[in-house]
């Protein structure tokens, strides 16, 4: 059994150990999670900008090959929307976790 004179030292030691444990188990994982979330959001932003630019380029290329006229231009935009809708549906359908869509 510890001597009563050792009690202040034991309390300080227990406080230091508890503090070190909390930093190890909460602060460090939170920092890693924050870094991962930041990189993931940055990658998602870059992918979405790239896909929008690719879609605009595809629609403009399609319009360029259609005959001149406002109705054909509208047809090109409509075809672009349909293609993007189908691609979005396929991405959600096949990349979603199996239990999430049922």
N, C-alpha and C. Protein backbone atom coordinates (compact mmCIF):
# COMPACT_ATOMS: atom_id res chain seq x y z
N UNK A 1 0.85 -1.17 0.00
CA UNK A 1 0.00 0.00 0.00
C UNK A 1 0.89 1.23 0.00
N UNK A 2 0.48 2.25 -0.73
CA UNK A 2 1.27 3.47 -0.85
C UNK A 2 1.15 4.28 0.43
N UNK A 3 2.22 4.99 0.71
CA UNK A 3 2.25 5.86 1.89
C UNK A 3 1.40 7.09 1.62
N UNK A 4 0.83 7.67 2.65
CA UNK A 4 -0.03 8.85 2.50
C UNK A 4 0.76 10.04 1.97
N UNK A 5 2.05 10.07 2.18
CA UNK A 5 2.89 11.14 1.66
C UNK A 5 3.09 11.06 0.15
N UNK A 6 2.87 9.89 -0.41
CA UNK A 6 3.01 9.72 -1.86
C UNK A 6 1.76 10.11 -2.63
N UNK A 7 0.68 10.41 -1.94
CA UNK A 7 -0.59 10.69 -2.60
C UNK A 7 -0.53 11.86 -3.58
N UNK A 8 0.07 13.01 -3.25
CA UNK A 8 0.13 14.10 -4.24
C UNK A 8 0.91 13.70 -5.50
N UNK A 9 1.99 12.98 -5.31
CA UNK A 9 2.77 12.53 -6.47
C UNK A 9 1.96 11.57 -7.32
N UNK A 10 1.22 10.66 -6.70
CA UNK A 10 0.39 9.70 -7.44
C UNK A 10 -0.75 10.40 -8.19
N UNK A 11 -1.33 11.43 -7.59
CA UNK A 11 -2.40 12.18 -8.26
C UNK A 11 -1.85 12.89 -9.48
N UNK A 12 -0.69 13.54 -9.34
CA UNK A 12 -0.07 14.23 -10.48
C UNK A 12 0.30 13.23 -11.56
N UNK A 13 0.84 12.10 -11.16
CA UNK A 13 1.22 11.07 -12.13
C UNK A 13 -0.02 10.52 -12.86
N UNK A 14 -1.09 10.29 -12.11
CA UNK A 14 -2.33 9.81 -12.73
C UNK A 14 -2.89 10.85 -13.70
N UNK A 15 -2.84 12.12 -13.33
CA UNK A 15 -3.31 13.19 -14.21
C UNK A 15 -2.48 13.23 -15.50
N UNK A 16 -1.17 13.14 -15.38
CA UNK A 16 -0.30 13.17 -16.56
C UNK A 16 -0.55 11.96 -17.48
N UNK A 17 -0.71 10.78 -16.88
CA UNK A 17 -0.99 9.59 -17.68
C UNK A 17 -2.34 9.70 -18.40
N UNK A 18 -3.35 10.22 -17.69
CA UNK A 18 -4.67 10.39 -18.30
C UNK A 18 -4.62 11.38 -19.44
N UNK A 19 -3.91 12.47 -19.23
CA UNK A 19 -3.78 13.49 -20.28
C UNK A 19 -3.06 12.93 -21.50
N UNK A 20 -1.99 12.20 -21.29
CA UNK A 20 -1.25 11.60 -22.41
C UNK A 20 -2.10 10.58 -23.15
N UNK A 21 -2.89 9.81 -22.40
CA UNK A 21 -3.75 8.81 -23.04
C UNK A 21 -4.83 9.48 -23.88
N UNK A 22 -5.44 10.53 -23.36
CA UNK A 22 -6.48 11.23 -24.12
C UNK A 22 -5.92 11.86 -25.38
N UNK A 23 -4.72 12.43 -25.30
CA UNK A 23 -4.10 13.01 -26.50
C UNK A 23 -3.83 11.91 -27.52
N UNK A 24 -3.33 10.79 -27.05
CA UNK A 24 -3.01 9.68 -27.95
C UNK A 24 -4.26 9.10 -28.60
N UNK A 25 -5.34 8.99 -27.87
CA UNK A 25 -6.53 8.30 -28.37
C UNK A 25 -7.57 9.21 -29.01
N UNK A 26 -7.48 10.52 -28.81
CA UNK A 26 -8.49 11.41 -29.39
C UNK A 26 -7.90 12.46 -30.32
N UNK A 27 -6.89 13.16 -29.89
CA UNK A 27 -6.37 14.28 -30.67
C UNK A 27 -5.64 13.79 -31.91
N UNK A 28 -4.78 12.83 -31.78
CA UNK A 28 -4.02 12.33 -32.93
C UNK A 28 -4.91 11.70 -34.00
N UNK A 29 -5.87 10.82 -33.63
CA UNK A 29 -6.77 10.30 -34.67
C UNK A 29 -7.62 11.40 -35.31
N UNK A 30 -8.01 12.40 -34.54
CA UNK A 30 -8.80 13.50 -35.10
C UNK A 30 -7.98 14.30 -36.11
N UNK A 31 -6.71 14.48 -35.85
CA UNK A 31 -5.84 15.17 -36.81
C UNK A 31 -5.72 14.37 -38.10
N UNK A 32 -5.53 13.05 -37.96
CA UNK A 32 -5.43 12.21 -39.16
C UNK A 32 -6.74 12.21 -39.94
N UNK A 33 -7.85 12.16 -39.23
CA UNK A 33 -9.15 12.18 -39.89
C UNK A 33 -9.38 13.51 -40.60
N UNK A 34 -8.96 14.60 -39.99
CA UNK A 34 -9.09 15.91 -40.62
C UNK A 34 -8.27 16.01 -41.89
N UNK A 35 -7.06 15.50 -41.86
CA UNK A 35 -6.23 15.50 -43.07
C UNK A 35 -6.86 14.66 -44.17
N UNK A 36 -7.35 13.49 -43.82
CA UNK A 36 -7.98 12.61 -44.80
C UNK A 36 -9.23 13.27 -45.39
N UNK A 37 -10.04 13.89 -44.55
CA UNK A 37 -11.25 14.55 -45.04
C UNK A 37 -10.90 15.72 -45.95
N UNK A 38 -9.87 16.47 -45.61
CA UNK A 38 -9.46 17.59 -46.46
C UNK A 38 -8.99 17.14 -47.82
N UNK A 39 -8.18 16.10 -47.85
CA UNK A 39 -7.69 15.58 -49.13
C UNK A 39 -8.85 15.00 -49.93
N UNK A 40 -9.77 14.32 -49.27
CA UNK A 40 -10.92 13.73 -49.97
C UNK A 40 -11.81 14.81 -50.56
N UNK A 41 -12.08 15.87 -49.82
CA UNK A 41 -12.91 16.95 -50.35
C UNK A 41 -12.22 17.67 -51.50
N UNK A 42 -10.92 17.85 -51.40
CA UNK A 42 -10.18 18.46 -52.50
C UNK A 42 -10.22 17.61 -53.75
N UNK A 43 -10.06 16.31 -53.59
CA UNK A 43 -10.13 15.41 -54.74
C UNK A 43 -11.53 15.40 -55.35
N UNK A 44 -12.56 15.41 -54.52
CA UNK A 44 -13.93 15.43 -55.04
C UNK A 44 -14.20 16.72 -55.80
N UNK A 45 -13.69 17.83 -55.30
CA UNK A 45 -13.88 19.11 -55.98
C UNK A 45 -13.18 19.10 -57.34
N UNK A 46 -11.95 18.62 -57.38
CA UNK A 46 -11.23 18.57 -58.65
C UNK A 46 -11.89 17.62 -59.65
N UNK A 47 -12.37 16.48 -59.19
CA UNK A 47 -13.06 15.55 -60.08
C UNK A 47 -14.33 16.17 -60.62
N UNK A 48 -15.09 16.85 -59.77
CA UNK A 48 -16.35 17.44 -60.25
C UNK A 48 -16.10 18.55 -61.25
N UNK A 49 -15.09 19.39 -61.02
CA UNK A 49 -14.75 20.44 -61.98
C UNK A 49 -14.30 19.81 -63.30
N UNK A 50 -13.48 18.78 -63.23
CA UNK A 50 -13.02 18.11 -64.44
C UNK A 50 -14.16 17.47 -65.22
N UNK A 51 -15.09 16.85 -64.51
CA UNK A 51 -16.22 16.22 -65.20
C UNK A 51 -17.14 17.25 -65.84
N UNK A 52 -17.34 18.38 -65.18
CA UNK A 52 -18.17 19.44 -65.77
C UNK A 52 -17.50 19.98 -67.02
N UNK A 53 -16.21 20.23 -66.97
CA UNK A 53 -15.50 20.74 -68.15
C UNK A 53 -15.52 19.71 -69.28
N UNK A 54 -15.37 18.45 -68.95
CA UNK A 54 -15.43 17.40 -69.97
C UNK A 54 -16.83 17.32 -70.59
N UNK A 55 -17.85 17.47 -69.78
CA UNK A 55 -19.23 17.43 -70.30
C UNK A 55 -19.50 18.62 -71.21
N UNK A 56 -19.04 19.80 -70.82
CA UNK A 56 -19.23 20.99 -71.66
C UNK A 56 -18.49 20.82 -72.98
N UNK A 57 -17.28 20.29 -72.93
CA UNK A 57 -16.52 20.07 -74.16
C UNK A 57 -17.23 19.05 -75.05
N UNK A 58 -17.78 18.01 -74.47
CA UNK A 58 -18.50 17.01 -75.25
C UNK A 58 -19.74 17.58 -75.92
N UNK A 59 -20.49 18.40 -75.19
CA UNK A 59 -21.70 19.01 -75.76
C UNK A 59 -21.32 19.98 -76.87
N UNK A 60 -20.31 20.78 -76.64
CA UNK A 60 -19.91 21.74 -77.69
C UNK A 60 -19.38 21.01 -78.93
N UNK A 61 -18.70 19.90 -78.75
CA UNK A 61 -18.24 19.12 -79.90
C UNK A 61 -19.42 18.52 -80.65
N UNK A 62 -20.40 18.02 -79.94
CA UNK A 62 -21.59 17.48 -80.57
C UNK A 62 -22.32 18.55 -81.36
N UNK A 63 -22.46 19.73 -80.80
CA UNK A 63 -23.14 20.83 -81.49
C UNK A 63 -22.36 21.24 -82.73
N UNK A 64 -21.07 21.17 -82.67
CA UNK A 64 -20.25 21.55 -83.82
C UNK A 64 -20.49 20.63 -85.02
N UNK A 65 -20.75 19.35 -84.76
CA UNK A 65 -20.97 18.40 -85.85
C UNK A 65 -22.41 18.38 -86.36
N UNK A 66 -23.33 18.98 -85.62
CA UNK A 66 -24.71 19.05 -86.08
C UNK A 66 -24.85 20.20 -87.08
N UNK A 67 -25.87 20.17 -87.91
CA UNK A 67 -26.10 21.29 -88.83
C UNK A 67 -26.36 22.58 -88.06
N UNK A 68 -26.11 23.71 -88.71
CA UNK A 68 -26.29 25.01 -88.06
C UNK A 68 -27.78 25.27 -87.86
N UNK A 69 -28.09 25.94 -86.78
CA UNK A 69 -29.48 26.30 -86.51
C UNK A 69 -29.78 26.18 -85.03
N UNK A 70 -30.73 26.99 -84.55
CA UNK A 70 -31.03 26.99 -83.11
C UNK A 70 -31.66 25.67 -82.64
N UNK A 71 -32.44 25.03 -83.49
CA UNK A 71 -33.07 23.78 -83.07
C UNK A 71 -32.05 22.65 -82.94
N UNK A 72 -31.08 22.64 -83.84
CA UNK A 72 -30.03 21.62 -83.74
C UNK A 72 -29.13 21.88 -82.53
N UNK A 73 -28.93 23.15 -82.21
CA UNK A 73 -28.15 23.47 -81.02
C UNK A 73 -28.89 23.00 -79.77
N UNK A 74 -30.20 23.24 -79.74
CA UNK A 74 -31.00 22.76 -78.61
C UNK A 74 -30.98 21.23 -78.54
N UNK A 75 -31.01 20.59 -79.71
CA UNK A 75 -30.93 19.13 -79.74
C UNK A 75 -29.60 18.64 -79.16
N UNK A 76 -28.51 19.36 -79.46
CA UNK A 76 -27.21 18.99 -78.91
C UNK A 76 -27.18 19.10 -77.39
N UNK A 77 -27.76 20.20 -76.87
CA UNK A 77 -27.82 20.35 -75.41
C UNK A 77 -28.71 19.28 -74.78
N UNK A 78 -29.82 18.98 -75.42
CA UNK A 78 -30.72 17.95 -74.91
C UNK A 78 -30.02 16.58 -74.90
N UNK A 79 -29.30 16.28 -75.97
CA UNK A 79 -28.56 15.02 -76.02
C UNK A 79 -27.49 14.98 -74.93
N UNK A 80 -26.84 16.11 -74.68
CA UNK A 80 -25.84 16.17 -73.61
C UNK A 80 -26.44 15.92 -72.25
N UNK A 81 -27.61 16.49 -72.00
CA UNK A 81 -28.29 16.28 -70.71
C UNK A 81 -28.68 14.82 -70.56
N UNK A 82 -29.19 14.22 -71.63
CA UNK A 82 -29.58 12.81 -71.57
C UNK A 82 -28.37 11.92 -71.30
N UNK A 83 -27.28 12.18 -72.00
CA UNK A 83 -26.06 11.38 -71.80
C UNK A 83 -25.54 11.54 -70.37
N UNK A 84 -25.51 12.77 -69.86
CA UNK A 84 -25.05 12.97 -68.48
C UNK A 84 -25.98 12.30 -67.48
N UNK A 85 -27.27 12.33 -67.75
CA UNK A 85 -28.22 11.64 -66.87
C UNK A 85 -28.00 10.14 -66.85
N UNK A 86 -27.77 9.56 -68.01
CA UNK A 86 -27.53 8.11 -68.09
C UNK A 86 -26.22 7.76 -67.39
N UNK A 87 -25.18 8.54 -67.61
CA UNK A 87 -23.90 8.28 -66.95
C UNK A 87 -24.04 8.42 -65.44
N UNK A 88 -24.74 9.44 -64.98
CA UNK A 88 -24.96 9.60 -63.54
C UNK A 88 -25.74 8.45 -62.94
N UNK A 89 -26.77 8.01 -63.64
CA UNK A 89 -27.56 6.87 -63.17
C UNK A 89 -26.68 5.62 -63.07
N UNK A 90 -25.89 5.37 -64.11
CA UNK A 90 -25.03 4.19 -64.09
C UNK A 90 -24.00 4.25 -62.97
N UNK A 91 -23.44 5.43 -62.73
CA UNK A 91 -22.48 5.57 -61.63
C UNK A 91 -23.12 5.29 -60.29
N UNK A 92 -24.30 5.85 -60.07
CA UNK A 92 -24.98 5.62 -58.79
C UNK A 92 -25.41 4.17 -58.66
N UNK A 93 -25.88 3.60 -59.72
CA UNK A 93 -26.39 2.22 -59.69
C UNK A 93 -25.28 1.21 -59.42
N UNK A 94 -24.13 1.37 -60.07
CA UNK A 94 -23.10 0.34 -59.98
C UNK A 94 -22.00 0.64 -58.97
N UNK A 95 -21.86 1.88 -58.54
CA UNK A 95 -20.80 2.20 -57.57
C UNK A 95 -21.32 2.34 -56.15
N UNK A 96 -22.63 2.36 -55.97
CA UNK A 96 -23.20 2.47 -54.62
C UNK A 96 -23.00 1.15 -53.88
N UNK A 97 -22.87 1.20 -52.56
CA UNK A 97 -22.80 -0.05 -51.80
C UNK A 97 -24.06 -0.88 -52.02
N UNK A 98 -23.92 -2.16 -51.97
CA UNK A 98 -25.02 -3.06 -52.34
C UNK A 98 -26.26 -2.88 -51.46
N UNK A 99 -26.11 -2.63 -50.19
CA UNK A 99 -27.27 -2.51 -49.31
C UNK A 99 -27.90 -1.13 -49.31
N UNK A 100 -27.25 -0.14 -49.90
CA UNK A 100 -27.73 1.24 -49.81
C UNK A 100 -28.89 1.53 -50.75
N UNK A 101 -29.00 0.82 -51.87
CA UNK A 101 -30.04 1.14 -52.84
C UNK A 101 -31.27 0.26 -52.71
N UNK A 102 -31.25 -0.71 -51.85
CA UNK A 102 -32.37 -1.64 -51.74
C UNK A 102 -33.22 -1.35 -50.54
